[in-house]
Amino acid sequence: MSKKVDVSIAFYGKPYQAIVTIKTLIKYSGEHIDKIYFSRERKQPHNDYVGIFKVIDYFRNDPDVRLIVQYPYHHLGLGVMDIGRAKTDKRWRQSILYQYALETTDKKYLCIMHNDMLYHGDMIGDMLKEFDTRAPNLAGVGSVGQCWSCPAGPAWGNKCDSYKYREYVPSMEEALELTEAYATPRQKLQKEVIERGRVHMLPECRLNEYCALIDVEKYRLETVPNGDIGCYGGNWGGVDTATVWSHDMYQKGYVFQHLCLEDYARHAAFDGTGSGTQANTSRDIYQNAERNAKAYIEQNFGEIRETAYVALANLLDSVKREAWLGIIHSYGFLKRVLGS
């Protein structure tokens, strides 16, 4: 009998791509999955606020999918920096990406992933096998490193890769020299992180959020509010989500095991760019990717039959959002008047 894990997906638009993510995930890894935590960010790209209700409607009668939907109180994005508030303000902390599920799940392992994945293999099953056979200090399994933008990566200095991140351990001086030598996409920020003392794991190195299985007990022990390490889903002054968390966990003696993501899935398979992030600012890329994903669903899983729930839920949500914006604007106006 296989272990059951929970899954956490941060929903920032892309409803049809999210449906593809869940359908293909269940197709290949469904035997390992109990609940799917689905956190709808307070702000949505291109005002696609109806998207969450399309996903809920699609799966509401699916016996293989158990969705737990969360609506974070704050929209924090990636620039999370206030570790003190994270320790004491539960509502704020649980608005950080993936944190609600990491604090709430009753499973030993939680699988974190993007909502624009197309699976073709059982990645969760193989990640569980890694936990069964690896060292007791293993904290996470998944794609390790962002080698394409790391000065030590194969495309630049060629000193390190996802399989060798524990072997290449430069001094601060060597890491700075290497970073100076190669005009990587985030060169300036990488230097700043190294100068602040986070040398190894290198600034771009992390347990990637595309699909990662995390040992929940180890996570809770070391991460706020119980520990001192900032939440996985925060930036904390690093170069990307989870880079600081990965570095700090490694410095505590934990390790991560690399699995090649492309052996199991494609990321951003429908937007033509392969990155997934350009769709957040380009309406054309976003809409085209959603059309492609919808066509994939209907070709592979049958026609999408949207019910009246979608329009009604979106209407109620719109009323709540407008009321909330009205309160915020009124508060801002009164503050300006009283302060003048």
Protein backbone atom coordinates (compact mmCIF):
# COMPACT_ATOMS: atom_id res chain seq x y z
CA MET A 1 0.00 0.00 0.00
CA SER A 2 1.51 3.32 -1.06
CA LYS A 3 1.96 6.33 1.21
CA LYS A 4 -0.49 9.17 0.70
CA VAL A 5 0.75 12.72 0.31
CA ASP A 6 -1.02 16.04 0.05
CA VAL A 7 -0.36 18.52 -2.76
CA SER A 8 -0.14 22.31 -2.60
CA ILE A 9 -0.73 24.44 -5.70
CA ALA A 10 -0.55 28.24 -5.68
CA PHE A 11 -3.23 29.43 -8.10
CA TYR A 12 -2.21 32.59 -9.94
CA GLY A 13 -4.49 32.50 -12.97
CA LYS A 14 -4.23 29.93 -15.78
CA PRO A 15 -7.37 27.92 -14.89
CA TYR A 16 -7.28 25.58 -17.90
CA GLN A 17 -3.56 24.96 -17.40
CA ALA A 18 -4.32 24.24 -13.74
CA ILE A 19 -6.94 21.70 -14.81
CA VAL A 20 -4.35 20.03 -17.05
CA THR A 21 -1.89 20.02 -14.13
CA ILE A 22 -4.36 18.24 -11.85
CA LYS A 23 -5.75 15.84 -14.46
CA THR A 24 -2.34 14.65 -15.63
CA LEU A 25 -1.00 14.56 -12.06
CA ILE A 26 -3.89 12.33 -11.01
CA LYS A 27 -3.46 10.20 -14.14
CA TYR A 28 0.13 9.30 -13.25
CA SER A 29 0.39 9.84 -9.47
CA GLY A 30 -3.20 9.63 -8.26
CA GLU A 31 -2.62 6.53 -6.14
CA HIS A 32 -0.28 8.57 -3.90
CA ILE A 33 -2.51 11.64 -3.42
CA ASP A 34 -5.09 12.45 -0.78
CA LYS A 35 -5.89 16.20 -0.76
CA ILE A 36 -4.94 19.02 -3.11
CA TYR A 37 -4.60 22.41 -1.38
CA PHE A 38 -5.44 25.11 -3.89
CA SER A 39 -4.56 28.67 -2.80
CA ARG A 40 -6.05 31.44 -4.95
CA GLU A 41 -3.85 34.52 -4.76
CA ARG A 42 -5.76 37.65 -3.75
CA LYS A 43 -4.73 39.35 -7.00
CA GLN A 44 -5.07 37.53 -10.32
CA PRO A 45 -3.30 38.20 -13.64
CA HIS A 46 -5.27 40.07 -16.28
CA ASN A 47 -8.25 40.24 -13.85
CA ASP A 48 -8.98 36.57 -14.43
CA TYR A 49 -10.84 36.23 -11.12
CA VAL A 50 -13.38 33.82 -12.58
CA GLY A 51 -10.65 31.25 -13.19
CA ILE A 52 -10.73 29.65 -9.74
CA PHE A 53 -14.42 28.89 -10.12
CA LYS A 54 -13.82 27.18 -13.47
CA VAL A 55 -11.40 24.83 -11.73
CA ILE A 56 -13.73 24.17 -8.78
CA ASP A 57 -16.63 23.55 -11.15
CA TYR A 58 -14.62 21.16 -13.29
CA PHE A 59 -13.62 18.95 -10.36
CA ARG A 60 -16.62 19.35 -8.06
CA ASN A 61 -18.05 15.92 -8.94
CA ASP A 62 -14.75 14.15 -9.61
CA PRO A 63 -14.29 11.36 -7.03
CA ASP A 64 -10.53 11.26 -7.70
CA VAL A 65 -9.89 14.90 -6.80
CA ARG A 66 -10.32 16.34 -3.32
CA LEU A 67 -9.76 20.10 -3.52
CA ILE A 68 -9.21 22.22 -0.40
CA VAL A 69 -9.49 25.85 -1.54
CA GLN A 70 -7.79 28.63 0.42
CA TYR A 71 -8.21 32.36 -0.12
CA PRO A 72 -5.16 34.05 1.49
CA TYR A 73 -5.95 37.22 3.41
CA HIS A 74 -2.94 39.13 2.03
CA HIS A 75 -1.38 39.30 -1.41
CA LEU A 76 2.34 39.15 -0.62
CA GLY A 77 3.90 38.16 -3.93
CA LEU A 78 7.56 37.15 -3.83
CA GLY A 79 9.05 40.04 -1.88
CA VAL A 80 8.48 38.61 1.59
CA MET A 81 11.05 40.04 4.01
CA ASP A 82 9.51 40.46 7.49
CA ILE A 83 10.67 37.38 9.41
CA GLY A 84 9.45 38.86 12.70
CA ARG A 85 5.91 39.21 11.42
CA ALA A 86 6.06 35.72 9.93
CA LYS A 87 6.75 34.34 13.40
CA THR A 88 3.85 36.07 15.12
CA ASP A 89 1.14 36.90 12.55
CA LYS A 90 -0.47 33.61 11.47
CA ARG A 91 -2.82 35.15 8.90
CA TRP A 92 0.06 37.01 7.27
CA ARG A 93 2.37 33.99 7.37
CA GLN A 94 -0.24 31.69 5.86
CA SER A 95 -0.62 34.13 2.97
CA ILE A 96 2.93 33.23 1.91
CA LEU A 97 2.97 30.77 -1.00
CA TYR A 98 2.38 27.15 0.08
CA GLN A 99 2.60 27.95 3.80
CA TYR A 100 -1.05 27.25 4.64
CA ALA A 101 -0.75 23.69 3.33
CA LEU A 102 2.63 23.17 4.99
CA GLU A 103 1.11 24.10 8.35
CA THR A 104 -2.22 22.34 7.85
CA THR A 105 -1.49 18.99 6.17
CA ASP A 106 -1.68 15.85 8.28
CA LYS A 107 0.66 13.96 5.93
CA LYS A 108 4.35 13.17 6.35
CA TYR A 109 5.09 14.66 2.92
CA LEU A 110 3.67 17.60 1.01
CA CYS A 111 4.19 18.01 -2.72
CA ILE A 112 4.49 21.63 -3.88
CA MET A 113 3.98 22.46 -7.54
CA HIS A 114 3.19 25.10 -10.14
CA ASN A 115 -0.24 25.27 -11.71
CA ASP A 116 1.05 25.08 -15.30
CA MET A 117 2.47 21.57 -15.44
CA LEU A 118 1.85 18.77 -17.94
CA TYR A 119 2.79 15.40 -16.42
CA HIS A 120 3.77 12.31 -18.37
CA GLY A 121 5.18 10.21 -15.52
CA ASP A 122 4.77 9.36 -11.85
CA MET A 123 7.10 11.89 -10.26
CA ILE A 124 5.53 11.68 -6.80
CA GLY A 125 5.96 7.90 -6.75
CA ASP A 126 9.65 8.18 -7.56
CA MET A 127 10.13 11.00 -5.03
CA LEU A 128 8.64 8.79 -2.33
CA LYS A 129 11.09 6.04 -3.29
CA GLU A 130 13.96 8.49 -2.80
CA PHE A 131 12.78 9.19 0.74
CA ASP A 132 12.64 5.45 1.41
CA THR A 133 16.23 4.85 0.30
CA ARG A 134 18.08 8.04 1.21
CA ALA A 135 19.70 9.51 4.32
CA PRO A 136 17.65 10.54 7.36
CA ASN A 137 18.64 14.20 6.84
CA LEU A 138 16.87 14.31 3.46
CA ALA A 139 14.44 17.27 3.61
CA GLY A 140 13.17 17.42 0.05
CA VAL A 141 13.20 15.74 -3.35
CA GLY A 142 12.68 17.33 -6.74
CA SER A 143 14.47 19.42 -9.31
CA VAL A 144 17.48 21.02 -7.59
CA GLY A 145 19.16 24.20 -8.81
CA GLN A 146 18.58 26.85 -11.43
CA CYS A 147 21.77 26.06 -13.31
CA TRP A 148 20.79 28.04 -16.41
CA SER A 149 21.25 31.28 -14.45
CA CYS A 150 24.00 30.23 -12.04
CA PRO A 151 27.61 31.28 -12.84
CA ALA A 152 28.81 27.84 -11.73
CA GLY A 153 26.35 26.06 -14.02
CA PRO A 154 27.20 24.15 -17.22
CA ALA A 155 26.29 27.10 -19.46
CA TRP A 156 28.71 29.44 -17.64
CA GLY A 157 31.64 28.39 -15.44
CA ASN A 158 30.82 24.67 -15.71
CA LYS A 159 31.89 23.84 -12.16
CA CYS A 160 28.61 22.49 -10.84
CA ASP A 161 25.23 21.04 -11.78
CA SER A 162 22.08 19.71 -10.11
CA TYR A 163 23.74 16.41 -9.23
CA LYS A 164 26.97 17.96 -7.88
CA TYR A 165 25.70 20.90 -5.81
CA ARG A 166 27.08 19.31 -2.61
CA GLU A 167 30.51 18.75 -4.12
CA TYR A 168 31.29 22.23 -5.42
CA VAL A 169 31.80 24.36 -2.29
CA PRO A 170 33.56 27.64 -3.15
CA SER A 171 34.85 30.20 -0.69
CA MET A 172 33.19 33.61 -0.68
CA GLU A 173 36.10 35.01 -2.67
CA GLU A 174 35.88 32.28 -5.31
CA ALA A 175 32.08 32.61 -5.54
CA LEU A 176 32.37 36.38 -6.04
CA GLU A 177 35.09 36.00 -8.67
CA LEU A 178 32.97 33.46 -10.53
CA THR A 179 29.91 35.70 -10.37
CA GLU A 180 31.92 38.68 -11.66
CA ALA A 181 33.21 36.59 -14.57
CA TYR A 182 29.84 35.73 -16.10
CA ALA A 183 26.99 38.06 -17.05
CA THR A 184 24.20 35.82 -15.77
CA PRO A 185 20.61 37.15 -15.80
CA ARG A 186 20.70 38.01 -12.06
CA GLN A 187 24.39 38.74 -11.65
CA LYS A 188 24.01 41.83 -9.45
CA LEU A 189 21.54 40.17 -7.10
CA GLN A 190 23.68 37.02 -6.90
CA LYS A 191 26.65 39.12 -5.77
CA GLU A 192 24.57 40.85 -3.12
CA VAL A 193 23.37 37.53 -1.70
CA ILE A 194 26.92 36.12 -1.55
CA GLU A 195 28.22 39.30 0.10
CA ARG A 196 25.55 38.90 2.78
CA GLY A 197 27.11 35.52 3.64
CA ARG A 198 24.93 33.02 1.75
CA VAL A 199 27.61 31.32 -0.33
CA HIS A 200 26.70 27.63 -0.40
CA MET A 201 24.23 26.48 -1.49
CA LEU A 202 24.92 29.09 -4.19
CA PRO A 203 22.35 31.90 -4.60
CA GLU A 204 20.51 30.30 -7.55
CA CYS A 205 20.45 26.85 -5.98
CA ARG A 206 17.15 25.68 -4.50
CA LEU A 207 14.66 22.86 -4.28
CA ASN A 208 12.54 24.05 -7.20
CA GLU A 209 8.85 24.77 -6.72
CA TYR A 210 7.85 23.31 -10.10
CA CYS A 211 7.39 20.00 -8.30
CA ALA A 212 9.01 19.27 -4.94
CA LEU A 213 8.24 16.78 -2.18
CA ILE A 214 9.02 18.13 1.30
CA ASP A 215 9.36 16.29 4.59
CA VAL A 216 6.75 18.15 6.65
CA GLU A 217 8.17 17.26 10.07
CA LYS A 218 11.64 18.58 9.20
CA TYR A 219 10.09 21.65 7.60
CA ARG A 220 8.01 22.55 10.65
CA LEU A 221 10.91 21.94 13.02
CA GLU A 222 13.22 24.44 11.32
CA THR A 223 10.86 26.94 9.67
CA VAL A 224 8.88 29.75 11.32
CA PRO A 225 6.90 29.88 13.51
CA ASN A 226 8.67 26.99 15.31
CA GLY A 227 12.15 27.50 13.87
CA ASP A 228 14.13 30.51 12.62
CA ILE A 229 14.21 29.83 8.86
CA GLY A 230 11.89 31.81 6.60
CA CYS A 231 9.05 29.98 4.85
CA TYR A 232 9.71 28.06 1.64
CA GLY A 233 7.41 30.31 -0.40
CA GLY A 234 9.16 33.55 0.51
CA ASN A 235 12.01 35.37 -1.17
CA TRP A 236 13.64 36.74 2.01
CA GLY A 237 16.11 38.82 0.01
CA GLY A 238 17.30 35.90 -2.11
CA VAL A 239 17.26 35.69 -5.89
CA ASP A 240 14.06 33.63 -6.13
CA THR A 241 11.39 31.77 -4.18
CA ALA A 242 12.87 29.18 -1.78
CA THR A 243 16.54 29.97 -2.53
CA VAL A 244 17.09 31.35 0.98
CA TRP A 245 15.03 28.56 2.57
CA SER A 246 17.08 25.95 0.66
CA HIS A 247 20.38 27.57 1.66
CA ASP A 248 19.44 27.88 5.31
CA MET A 249 18.10 24.32 5.53
CA TYR A 250 21.32 23.03 3.95
CA GLN A 251 23.38 24.97 6.47
CA LYS A 252 21.40 23.23 9.22
CA GLY A 253 22.61 19.88 7.88
CA TYR A 254 19.72 18.89 5.62
CA VAL A 255 20.12 17.81 1.99
CA PHE A 256 18.00 17.64 -1.15
CA GLN A 257 17.89 14.93 -3.80
CA HIS A 258 17.67 15.91 -7.45
CA LEU A 259 15.22 14.33 -9.89
CA CYS A 260 15.14 15.58 -13.47
CA LEU A 261 11.79 17.33 -13.89
CA GLU A 262 11.74 16.78 -17.63
CA ASP A 263 11.69 13.00 -17.10
CA TYR A 264 8.20 13.39 -15.66
CA ALA A 265 6.65 16.67 -16.80
CA ARG A 266 6.76 19.76 -18.98
CA HIS A 267 6.51 23.19 -17.41
CA ALA A 268 4.50 25.90 -19.21
CA ALA A 269 3.78 23.50 -22.03
CA PHE A 270 1.09 25.66 -23.65
CA ASP A 271 2.40 29.24 -23.76
CA GLY A 272 5.20 28.84 -26.32
CA THR A 273 7.83 30.55 -24.17
CA GLY A 274 8.53 27.64 -21.82
CA SER A 275 8.99 29.99 -18.86
CA GLY A 276 5.44 30.53 -17.64
CA THR A 277 6.23 33.98 -16.23
CA GLN A 278 5.84 36.02 -19.42
CA ALA A 279 2.14 35.15 -19.44
CA ASN A 280 1.73 37.08 -16.19
CA THR A 281 2.45 40.37 -17.98
CA SER A 282 1.43 39.56 -21.56
CA ARG A 283 -2.31 39.15 -22.09
CA ASP A 284 -1.75 37.67 -25.55
CA ILE A 285 0.60 34.95 -24.27
CA TYR A 286 -1.75 34.27 -21.37
CA GLN A 287 -4.89 33.94 -23.49
CA ASN A 288 -3.18 31.88 -26.17
CA ALA A 289 -1.82 29.45 -23.58
CA GLU A 290 -5.25 29.11 -22.02
CA ARG A 291 -6.81 28.37 -25.42
CA ASN A 292 -4.19 25.70 -26.04
CA ALA A 293 -4.75 24.15 -22.62
CA LYS A 294 -8.52 24.12 -23.06
CA ALA A 295 -8.12 22.39 -26.43
CA TYR A 296 -5.83 19.80 -24.79
CA ILE A 297 -8.42 19.09 -22.10
CA GLU A 298 -11.24 18.60 -24.58
CA GLN A 299 -9.10 16.45 -26.86
CA ASN A 300 -7.80 14.20 -24.08
CA PHE A 301 -10.45 14.28 -21.35
CA GLY A 302 -13.69 15.29 -23.03
CA GLU A 303 -15.77 18.43 -23.50
CA ILE A 304 -15.78 21.00 -20.71
CA ARG A 305 -19.35 21.49 -19.48
CA GLU A 306 -19.43 24.61 -17.35
CA THR A 307 -22.37 24.94 -14.96
CA ALA A 308 -24.20 28.00 -13.65
CA TYR A 309 -22.05 27.80 -10.52
CA VAL A 310 -19.17 29.58 -12.30
CA ALA A 311 -21.14 32.74 -13.16
CA LEU A 312 -22.88 32.88 -9.77
CA ALA A 313 -19.71 32.31 -7.74
CA ASN A 314 -17.87 34.90 -9.81
CA LEU A 315 -20.68 37.44 -9.27
CA LEU A 316 -20.58 36.98 -5.51
CA ASP A 317 -16.80 37.16 -5.52
CA SER A 318 -16.89 40.37 -7.58
CA VAL A 319 -19.28 41.98 -5.08
CA LYS A 320 -16.95 41.05 -2.20
CA ARG A 321 -13.89 42.36 -4.01
CA GLU A 322 -15.57 45.65 -4.92
CA ALA A 323 -16.75 46.09 -1.33
CA TRP A 324 -13.25 45.40 -0.05
CA LEU A 325 -11.70 47.86 -2.51
CA GLY A 326 -14.28 50.43 -1.45
CA ILE A 327 -13.26 50.04 2.19
CA ILE A 328 -9.56 50.36 1.30
CA HIS A 329 -10.13 53.48 -0.81
CA SER A 330 -12.35 55.06 1.84
CA TYR A 331 -9.75 54.37 4.50
CA GLY A 332 -7.03 55.91 2.34
CA PHE A 333 -9.18 58.98 1.64
CA LEU A 334 -9.97 59.53 5.33
CA LYS A 335 -6.33 59.08 6.26
CA ARG A 336 -5.31 61.74 3.76
CA VAL A 337 -8.04 64.13 4.93
CA LEU A 338 -7.32 63.69 8.64
CA GLY A 339 -3.60 63.93 8.04
CA SER A 340 -3.86 67.20 6.15
